[in-house]
Amino acid sequence: MTDKKVLVYSTNTCPYCHMAMDYFKSKHVNFTEVNVEEHPEKVDEMMEKSGQLGVPVIDIGGTIIVGFNKSAIEKALAKQ
């Protein structure tokens, strides 16, 4: 569906993170999970992109989406 680089910053217990990753899987969108609980060194990178600590933070080709916002995700994936 897309050749954009997709990153999902997540934690183990975040239901919206799992919803976002399940959504990408259902749409056959390749993504990289960055679990900030298991890799705390990535928290600063996530905060720099989003300005906050909440997850999920989704980076789709440089477009930052905080939370599982399906319409924003679809819009970012469709951008050329």
PDB file of N, CA and C in Angstrom:
ATOM      1  N   MET A   1       0.817  -1.209   0.000  1.00  0.00           N
ATOM      2  CA  MET A   1       0.000   0.000   0.000  1.00  0.00           C
ATOM      3  C   MET A   1       0.853   1.263   0.000  1.00  0.00           C
ATOM      4  N   THR A   2       1.986   1.204   0.716  1.00  0.00           N
ATOM      5  CA  THR A   2       2.823   2.402   0.805  1.00  0.00           C
ATOM      6  C   THR A   2       4.294   2.002   0.863  1.00  0.00           C
ATOM      7  N   ASP A   3       5.141   2.899   0.386  1.00  0.00           N
ATOM      8  CA  ASP A   3       6.570   2.664   0.529  1.00  0.00           C
ATOM      9  C   ASP A   3       7.161   3.646   1.529  1.00  0.00           C
ATOM     10  N   LYS A   4       6.288   4.380   2.220  1.00  0.00           N
ATOM     11  CA  LYS A   4       6.748   5.312   3.244  1.00  0.00           C
ATOM     12  C   LYS A   4       7.265   4.517   4.440  1.00  0.00           C
ATOM     13  N   LYS A   5       8.219   5.103   5.138  1.00  0.00           N
ATOM     14  CA  LYS A   5       8.699   4.484   6.360  1.00  0.00           C
ATOM     15  C   LYS A   5       7.675   4.764   7.460  1.00  0.00           C
ATOM     16  N   VAL A   6       7.205   3.710   8.112  1.00  0.00           N
ATOM     17  CA  VAL A   6       6.211   3.838   9.179  1.00  0.00           C
ATOM     18  C   VAL A   6       6.815   3.317  10.471  1.00  0.00           C
ATOM     19  N   LEU A   7       6.829   4.189  11.485  1.00  0.00           N
ATOM     20  CA  LEU A   7       7.292   3.817  12.824  1.00  0.00           C
ATOM     21  C   LEU A   7       6.132   3.953  13.792  1.00  0.00           C
ATOM     22  N   VAL A   8       6.003   2.978  14.690  1.00  0.00           N
ATOM     23  CA  VAL A   8       4.988   3.044  15.739  1.00  0.00           C
ATOM     24  C   VAL A   8       5.721   2.980  17.074  1.00  0.00           C
ATOM     25  N   TYR A   9       5.703   4.087  17.816  1.00  0.00           N
ATOM     26  CA  TYR A   9       6.275   4.109  19.161  1.00  0.00           C
ATOM     27  C   TYR A   9       5.195   3.585  20.099  1.00  0.00           C
ATOM     28  N   SER A  10       5.542   2.565  20.883  1.00  0.00           N
ATOM     29  CA  SER A  10       4.537   1.866  21.669  1.00  0.00           C
ATOM     30  C   SER A  10       5.077   1.483  23.042  1.00  0.00           C
ATOM     31  N   THR A  11       4.159   0.919  23.856  1.00  0.00           N
ATOM     32  CA  THR A  11       4.528   0.244  25.100  1.00  0.00           C
ATOM     33  C   THR A  11       3.801  -1.103  25.112  1.00  0.00           C
ATOM     34  N   ASN A  12       4.193  -1.962  26.021  1.00  0.00           N
ATOM     35  CA  ASN A  12       3.610  -3.298  26.078  1.00  0.00           C
ATOM     36  C   ASN A  12       2.123  -3.287  26.432  1.00  0.00           C
ATOM     37  N   THR A  13       1.705  -2.326  27.246  1.00  0.00           N
ATOM     38  CA  THR A  13       0.344  -2.348  27.787  1.00  0.00           C
ATOM     39  C   THR A  13      -0.608  -1.363  27.116  1.00  0.00           C
ATOM     40  N   CYS A  14      -0.201  -0.752  26.037  1.00  0.00           N
ATOM     41  CA  CYS A  14      -1.017   0.277  25.379  1.00  0.00           C
ATOM     42  C   CYS A  14      -1.992  -0.364  24.388  1.00  0.00           C
ATOM     43  N   PRO A  15      -3.305  -0.359  24.686  1.00  0.00           N
ATOM     44  CA  PRO A  15      -4.264  -0.982  23.769  1.00  0.00           C
ATOM     45  C   PRO A  15      -4.342  -0.256  22.421  1.00  0.00           C
ATOM     46  N   TYR A  16      -4.174   1.066  22.420  1.00  0.00           N
ATOM     47  CA  TYR A  16      -4.253   1.818  21.160  1.00  0.00           C
ATOM     48  C   TYR A  16      -3.047   1.549  20.270  1.00  0.00           C
ATOM     49  N   CYS A  17      -1.914   1.245  20.894  1.00  0.00           N
ATOM     50  CA  CYS A  17      -0.729   0.852  20.120  1.00  0.00           C
ATOM     51  C   CYS A  17      -1.011  -0.445  19.364  1.00  0.00           C
ATOM     52  N   HIS A  18      -1.597  -1.399  20.080  1.00  0.00           N
ATOM     53  CA  HIS A  18      -1.907  -2.684  19.454  1.00  0.00           C
ATOM     54  C   HIS A  18      -2.969  -2.523  18.373  1.00  0.00           C
ATOM     55  N   MET A  19      -3.942  -1.637  18.603  1.00  0.00           N
ATOM     56  CA  MET A  19      -4.958  -1.371  17.585  1.00  0.00           C
ATOM     57  C   MET A  19      -4.309  -0.788  16.326  1.00  0.00           C
ATOM     58  N   ALA A  20      -3.380   0.138  16.510  1.00  0.00           N
ATOM     59  CA  ALA A  20      -2.703   0.754  15.364  1.00  0.00           C
ATOM     60  C   ALA A  20      -1.890  -0.282  14.593  1.00  0.00           C
ATOM     61  N   MET A  21      -1.140  -1.109  15.312  1.00  0.00           N
ATOM     62  CA  MET A  21      -0.315  -2.112  14.638  1.00  0.00           C
ATOM     63  C   MET A  21      -1.183  -3.162  13.952  1.00  0.00           C
ATOM     64  N   ASP A  22      -2.291  -3.546  14.573  1.00  0.00           N
ATOM     65  CA  ASP A  22      -3.222  -4.485  13.931  1.00  0.00           C
ATOM     66  C   ASP A  22      -3.818  -3.871  12.665  1.00  0.00           C
ATOM     67  N   TYR A  23      -4.106  -2.568  12.725  1.00  0.00           N
ATOM     68  CA  TYR A  23      -4.640  -1.878  11.547  1.00  0.00           C
ATOM     69  C   TYR A  23      -3.625  -1.912  10.395  1.00  0.00           C
ATOM     70  N   PHE A  24      -2.370  -1.593  10.699  1.00  0.00           N
ATOM     71  CA  PHE A  24      -1.341  -1.628   9.649  1.00  0.00           C
ATOM     72  C   PHE A  24      -1.205  -3.032   9.063  1.00  0.00           C
ATOM     73  N   LYS A  25      -1.235  -4.043   9.926  1.00  0.00           N
ATOM     74  CA  LYS A  25      -1.148  -5.429   9.440  1.00  0.00           C
ATOM     75  C   LYS A  25      -2.326  -5.749   8.521  1.00  0.00           C
ATOM     76  N   SER A  26      -3.538  -5.307   8.900  1.00  0.00           N
ATOM     77  CA  SER A  26      -4.728  -5.610   8.098  1.00  0.00           C
ATOM     78  C   SER A  26      -4.676  -4.929   6.731  1.00  0.00           C
ATOM     79  N   LYS A  27      -3.960  -3.810   6.646  1.00  0.00           N
ATOM     80  CA  LYS A  27      -3.825  -3.060   5.388  1.00  0.00           C
ATOM     81  C   LYS A  27      -2.538  -3.413   4.650  1.00  0.00           C
ATOM     82  N   HIS A  28      -1.797  -4.387   5.170  1.00  0.00           N
ATOM     83  CA  HIS A  28      -0.529  -4.822   4.571  1.00  0.00           C
ATOM     84  C   HIS A  28       0.469  -3.677   4.452  1.00  0.00           C
ATOM     85  N   VAL A  29       0.519  -2.849   5.491  1.00  0.00           N
ATOM     86  CA  VAL A  29       1.474  -1.743   5.559  1.00  0.00           C
ATOM     87  C   VAL A  29       2.624  -2.186   6.457  1.00  0.00           C
ATOM     88  N   ASN A  30       3.821  -2.204   5.904  1.00  0.00           N
ATOM     89  CA  ASN A  30       4.999  -2.548   6.703  1.00  0.00           C
ATOM     90  C   ASN A  30       5.292  -1.421   7.676  1.00  0.00           C
ATOM     91  N   PHE A  31       5.597  -1.789   8.907  1.00  0.00           N
ATOM     92  CA  PHE A  31       5.918  -0.797   9.926  1.00  0.00           C
ATOM     93  C   PHE A  31       6.997  -1.363  10.832  1.00  0.00           C
ATOM     94  N   THR A  32       7.637  -0.451  11.548  1.00  0.00           N
ATOM     95  CA  THR A  32       8.620  -0.838  12.549  1.00  0.00           C
ATOM     96  C   THR A  32       8.092  -0.404  13.899  1.00  0.00           C
ATOM     97  N   GLU A  33       8.016  -1.346  14.823  1.00  0.00           N
ATOM     98  CA  GLU A  33       7.592  -1.011  16.187  1.00  0.00           C
ATOM     99  C   GLU A  33       8.814  -0.574  16.977  1.00  0.00           C
ATOM    100  N   VAL A  34       8.686   0.555  17.674  1.00  0.00           N
ATOM    101  CA  VAL A  34       9.722   1.038  18.576  1.00  0.00           C
ATOM    102  C   VAL A  34       9.097   1.032  19.967  1.00  0.00           C
ATOM    103  N   ASN A  35       9.368  -0.024  20.722  1.00  0.00           N
ATOM    104  CA  ASN A  35       8.779  -0.163  22.058  1.00  0.00           C
ATOM    105  C   ASN A  35       9.633   0.625  23.043  1.00  0.00           C
ATOM    106  N   VAL A  36       9.090   1.755  23.500  1.00  0.00           N
ATOM    107  CA  VAL A  36       9.866   2.642  24.373  1.00  0.00           C
ATOM    108  C   VAL A  36       9.962   2.102  25.801  1.00  0.00           C
ATOM    109  N   GLU A  37       9.130   1.121  26.112  1.00  0.00           N
ATOM    110  CA  GLU A  37       9.233   0.458  27.411  1.00  0.00           C
ATOM    111  C   GLU A  37      10.467  -0.448  27.427  1.00  0.00           C
ATOM    112  N   GLU A  38      10.697  -1.131  26.315  1.00  0.00           N
ATOM    113  CA  GLU A  38      11.840  -2.031  26.204  1.00  0.00           C
ATOM    114  C   GLU A  38      13.108  -1.309  25.740  1.00  0.00           C
ATOM    115  N   HIS A  39      12.941  -0.139  25.107  1.00  0.00           N
ATOM    116  CA  HIS A  39      14.080   0.654  24.614  1.00  0.00           C
ATOM    117  C   HIS A  39      13.924   2.102  25.091  1.00  0.00           C
ATOM    118  N   PRO A  40      14.137   2.341  26.393  1.00  0.00           N
ATOM    119  CA  PRO A  40      13.914   3.688  26.940  1.00  0.00           C
ATOM    120  C   PRO A  40      14.789   4.765  26.304  1.00  0.00           C
ATOM    121  N   GLU A  41      15.870   4.369  25.649  1.00  0.00           N
ATOM    122  CA  GLU A  41      16.718   5.355  24.971  1.00  0.00           C
ATOM    123  C   GLU A  41      15.983   6.010  23.803  1.00  0.00           C
ATOM    124  N   LYS A  42      14.863   5.429  23.371  1.00  0.00           N
ATOM    125  CA  LYS A  42      14.087   5.976  22.251  1.00  0.00           C
ATOM    126  C   LYS A  42      13.028   6.979  22.697  1.00  0.00           C
ATOM    127  N   VAL A  43      12.851   7.144  24.021  1.00  0.00           N
ATOM    128  CA  VAL A  43      11.835   8.075  24.535  1.00  0.00           C
ATOM    129  C   VAL A  43      12.120   9.501  24.067  1.00  0.00           C
ATOM    130  N   ASP A  44      13.379   9.927  24.136  1.00  0.00           N
ATOM    131  CA  ASP A  44      13.725  11.294  23.721  1.00  0.00           C
ATOM    132  C   ASP A  44      13.425  11.509  22.241  1.00  0.00           C
ATOM    133  N   GLU A  45      13.721  10.506  21.418  1.00  0.00           N
ATOM    134  CA  GLU A  45      13.429  10.587  19.985  1.00  0.00           C
ATOM    135  C   GLU A  45      11.917  10.750  19.763  1.00  0.00           C
ATOM    136  N   MET A  46      11.120   9.966  20.490  1.00  0.00           N
ATOM    137  CA  MET A  46       9.669  10.047  20.371  1.00  0.00           C
ATOM    138  C   MET A  46       9.158  11.416  20.829  1.00  0.00           C
ATOM    139  N   MET A  47       9.687  11.903  21.944  1.00  0.00           N
ATOM    140  CA  MET A  47       9.257  13.199  22.473  1.00  0.00           C
ATOM    141  C   MET A  47       9.639  14.338  21.538  1.00  0.00           C
ATOM    142  N   GLU A  48      10.801  14.230  20.913  1.00  0.00           N
ATOM    143  CA  GLU A  48      11.233  15.262  19.967  1.00  0.00           C
ATOM    144  C   GLU A  48      10.258  15.344  18.789  1.00  0.00           C
ATOM    145  N   LYS A  49       9.767  14.198  18.343  1.00  0.00           N
ATOM    146  CA  LYS A  49       8.838  14.164  17.215  1.00  0.00           C
ATOM    147  C   LYS A  49       7.442  14.637  17.600  1.00  0.00           C
ATOM    148  N   SER A  50       6.964  14.219  18.788  1.00  0.00           N
ATOM    149  CA  SER A  50       5.559  14.446  19.133  1.00  0.00           C
ATOM    150  C   SER A  50       5.338  15.528  20.171  1.00  0.00           C
ATOM    151  N   GLY A  51       6.353  15.829  20.961  1.00  0.00           N
ATOM    152  CA  GLY A  51       6.193  16.821  22.013  1.00  0.00           C
ATOM    153  C   GLY A  51       5.518  16.275  23.256  1.00  0.00           C
ATOM    154  N   GLN A  52       5.322  14.964  23.339  1.00  0.00           N
ATOM    155  CA  GLN A  52       4.680  14.403  24.524  1.00  0.00           C
ATOM    156  C   GLN A  52       5.106  12.974  24.771  1.00  0.00           C
ATOM    157  N   LEU A  53       4.693  12.449  25.934  1.00  0.00           N
ATOM    158  CA  LEU A  53       5.066  11.097  26.335  1.00  0.00           C
ATOM    159  C   LEU A  53       4.019  10.051  25.981  1.00  0.00           C
ATOM    160  N   GLY A  54       2.822  10.465  25.595  1.00  0.00           N
ATOM    161  CA  GLY A  54       1.751   9.509  25.308  1.00  0.00           C
ATOM    162  C   GLY A  54       2.058   8.659  24.094  1.00  0.00           C
ATOM    163  N   VAL A  55       1.575   7.414  24.133  1.00  0.00           N
ATOM    164  CA  VAL A  55       1.715   6.508  22.999  1.00  0.00           C
ATOM    165  C   VAL A  55       0.322   6.056  22.565  1.00  0.00           C
ATOM    166  N   PRO A  56       0.135   5.619  21.359  1.00  0.00           N
ATOM    167  CA  PRO A  56       1.157   5.500  20.335  1.00  0.00           C
ATOM    168  C   PRO A  56       1.495   6.838  19.694  1.00  0.00           C
ATOM    169  N   VAL A  57       2.735   6.955  19.271  1.00  0.00           N
ATOM    170  CA  VAL A  57       3.160   8.019  18.374  1.00  0.00           C
ATOM    171  C   VAL A  57       3.502   7.316  17.074  1.00  0.00           C
ATOM    172  N   ILE A  58       2.846   7.736  16.008  1.00  0.00           N
ATOM    173  CA  ILE A  58       3.024   7.092  14.707  1.00  0.00           C
ATOM    174  C   ILE A  58       3.679   8.090  13.768  1.00  0.00           C
ATOM    175  N   ASP A  59       4.769   7.671  13.165  1.00  0.00           N
ATOM    176  CA  ASP A  59       5.516   8.497  12.218  1.00  0.00           C
ATOM    177  C   ASP A  59       5.382   7.846  10.844  1.00  0.00           C
ATOM    178  N   ILE A  60       4.636   8.515   9.965  1.00  0.00           N
ATOM    179  CA  ILE A  60       4.437   8.007   8.607  1.00  0.00           C
ATOM    180  C   ILE A  60       5.124   8.969   7.651  1.00  0.00           C
ATOM    181  N   GLY A  61       6.310   8.612   7.235  1.00  0.00           N
ATOM    182  CA  GLY A  61       7.055   9.452   6.311  1.00  0.00           C
ATOM    183  C   GLY A  61       7.244  10.877   6.804  1.00  0.00           C
ATOM    184  N   GLY A  62       7.397  11.042   8.112  1.00  0.00           N
ATOM    185  CA  GLY A  62       7.592  12.373   8.691  1.00  0.00           C
ATOM    186  C   GLY A  62       6.323  13.030   9.196  1.00  0.00           C
ATOM    187  N   THR A  63       5.165  12.476   8.877  1.00  0.00           N
ATOM    188  CA  THR A  63       3.901  12.967   9.429  1.00  0.00           C
ATOM    189  C   THR A  63       3.696  12.286  10.769  1.00  0.00           C
ATOM    190  N   ILE A  64       3.523  13.084  11.819  1.00  0.00           N
ATOM    191  CA  ILE A  64       3.403  12.551  13.173  1.00  0.00           C
ATOM    192  C   ILE A  64       1.943  12.535  13.590  1.00  0.00           C
ATOM    193  N   ILE A  65       1.502  11.368  14.054  1.00  0.00           N
ATOM    194  CA  ILE A  65       0.129  11.186  14.535  1.00  0.00           C
ATOM    195  C   ILE A  65       0.232  10.646  15.955  1.00  0.00           C
ATOM    196  N   VAL A  66      -0.457  11.308  16.878  1.00  0.00           N
ATOM    197  CA  VAL A  66      -0.463  10.857  18.262  1.00  0.00           C
ATOM    198  C   VAL A  66      -1.796  10.162  18.514  1.00  0.00           C
ATOM    199  N   GLY A  67      -1.727   8.934  18.978  1.00  0.00           N
ATOM    200  CA  GLY A  67      -2.929   8.152  19.214  1.00  0.00           C
ATOM    201  C   GLY A  67      -3.320   7.377  17.969  1.00  0.00           C
ATOM    202  N   PHE A  68      -4.335   6.534  18.128  1.00  0.00           N
ATOM    203  CA  PHE A  68      -4.814   5.747  16.996  1.00  0.00           C
ATOM    204  C   PHE A  68      -5.950   6.516  16.336  1.00  0.00           C
ATOM    205  N   ASN A  69      -5.595   7.317  15.336  1.00  0.00           N
ATOM    206  CA  ASN A  69      -6.544   8.144  14.593  1.00  0.00           C
ATOM    207  C   ASN A  69      -6.581   7.601  13.170  1.00  0.00           C
ATOM    208  N   LYS A  70      -7.553   6.726  12.910  1.00  0.00           N
ATOM    209  CA  LYS A  70      -7.591   6.008  11.637  1.00  0.00           C
ATOM    210  C   LYS A  70      -7.660   6.956  10.441  1.00  0.00           C
ATOM    211  N   SER A  71      -8.472   8.006  10.531  1.00  0.00           N
ATOM    212  CA  SER A  71      -8.589   8.912   9.382  1.00  0.00           C
ATOM    213  C   SER A  71      -7.290   9.667   9.134  1.00  0.00           C
ATOM    214  N   ALA A  72      -6.596  10.075  10.187  1.00  0.00           N
ATOM    215  CA  ALA A  72      -5.302  10.750  10.022  1.00  0.00           C
ATOM    216  C   ALA A  72      -4.261   9.786   9.455  1.00  0.00           C
ATOM    217  N   ILE A  73      -4.316   8.532   9.885  1.00  0.00           N
ATOM    218  CA  ILE A  73      -3.390   7.525   9.366  1.00  0.00           C
ATOM    219  C   ILE A  73      -3.633   7.306   7.877  1.00  0.00           C
ATOM    220  N   GLU A  74      -4.902   7.143   7.498  1.00  0.00           N
ATOM    221  CA  GLU A  74      -5.225   6.924   6.085  1.00  0.00           C
ATOM    222  C   GLU A  74      -4.801   8.113   5.231  1.00  0.00           C
ATOM    223  N   LYS A  75      -5.016   9.314   5.750  1.00  0.00           N
ATOM    224  CA  LYS A  75      -4.617  10.531   5.023  1.00  0.00           C
ATOM    225  C   LYS A  75      -3.099  10.581   4.842  1.00  0.00           C
ATOM    226  N   ALA A  76      -2.355  10.257   5.895  1.00  0.00           N
ATOM    227  CA  ALA A  76      -0.886  10.284   5.820  1.00  0.00           C
ATOM    228  C   ALA A  76      -0.373   9.209   4.862  1.00  0.00           C
ATOM    229  N   LEU A  77      -1.016   8.041   4.880  1.00  0.00           N
ATOM    230  CA  LEU A  77      -0.582   6.973   3.959  1.00  0.00           C
ATOM    231  C   LEU A  77      -0.875   7.334   2.511  1.00  0.00           C
ATOM    232  N   ALA A  78      -1.939   8.086   2.278  1.00  0.00           N
ATOM    233  CA  ALA A  78      -2.349   8.419   0.910  1.00  0.00           C
ATOM    234  C   ALA A  78      -1.544   9.580   0.317  1.00  0.00           C
ATOM    235  N   LYS A  79      -0.901  10.385   1.172  1.00  0.00           N
ATOM    236  CA  LYS A  79      -0.120  11.533   0.692  1.00  0.00           C
ATOM    237  C   LYS A  79       1.006  11.083  -0.214  1.00  0.00           C
ATOM    238  N   GLN A  80       1.209  11.794  -1.312  1.00  0.00           N
ATOM    239  CA  GLN A  80       2.314  11.453  -2.213  1.00  0.00           C
ATOM    240  C   GLN A  80       3.376  12.506  -2.155  1.00  0.00           C
TER     241      GLN A  80
END
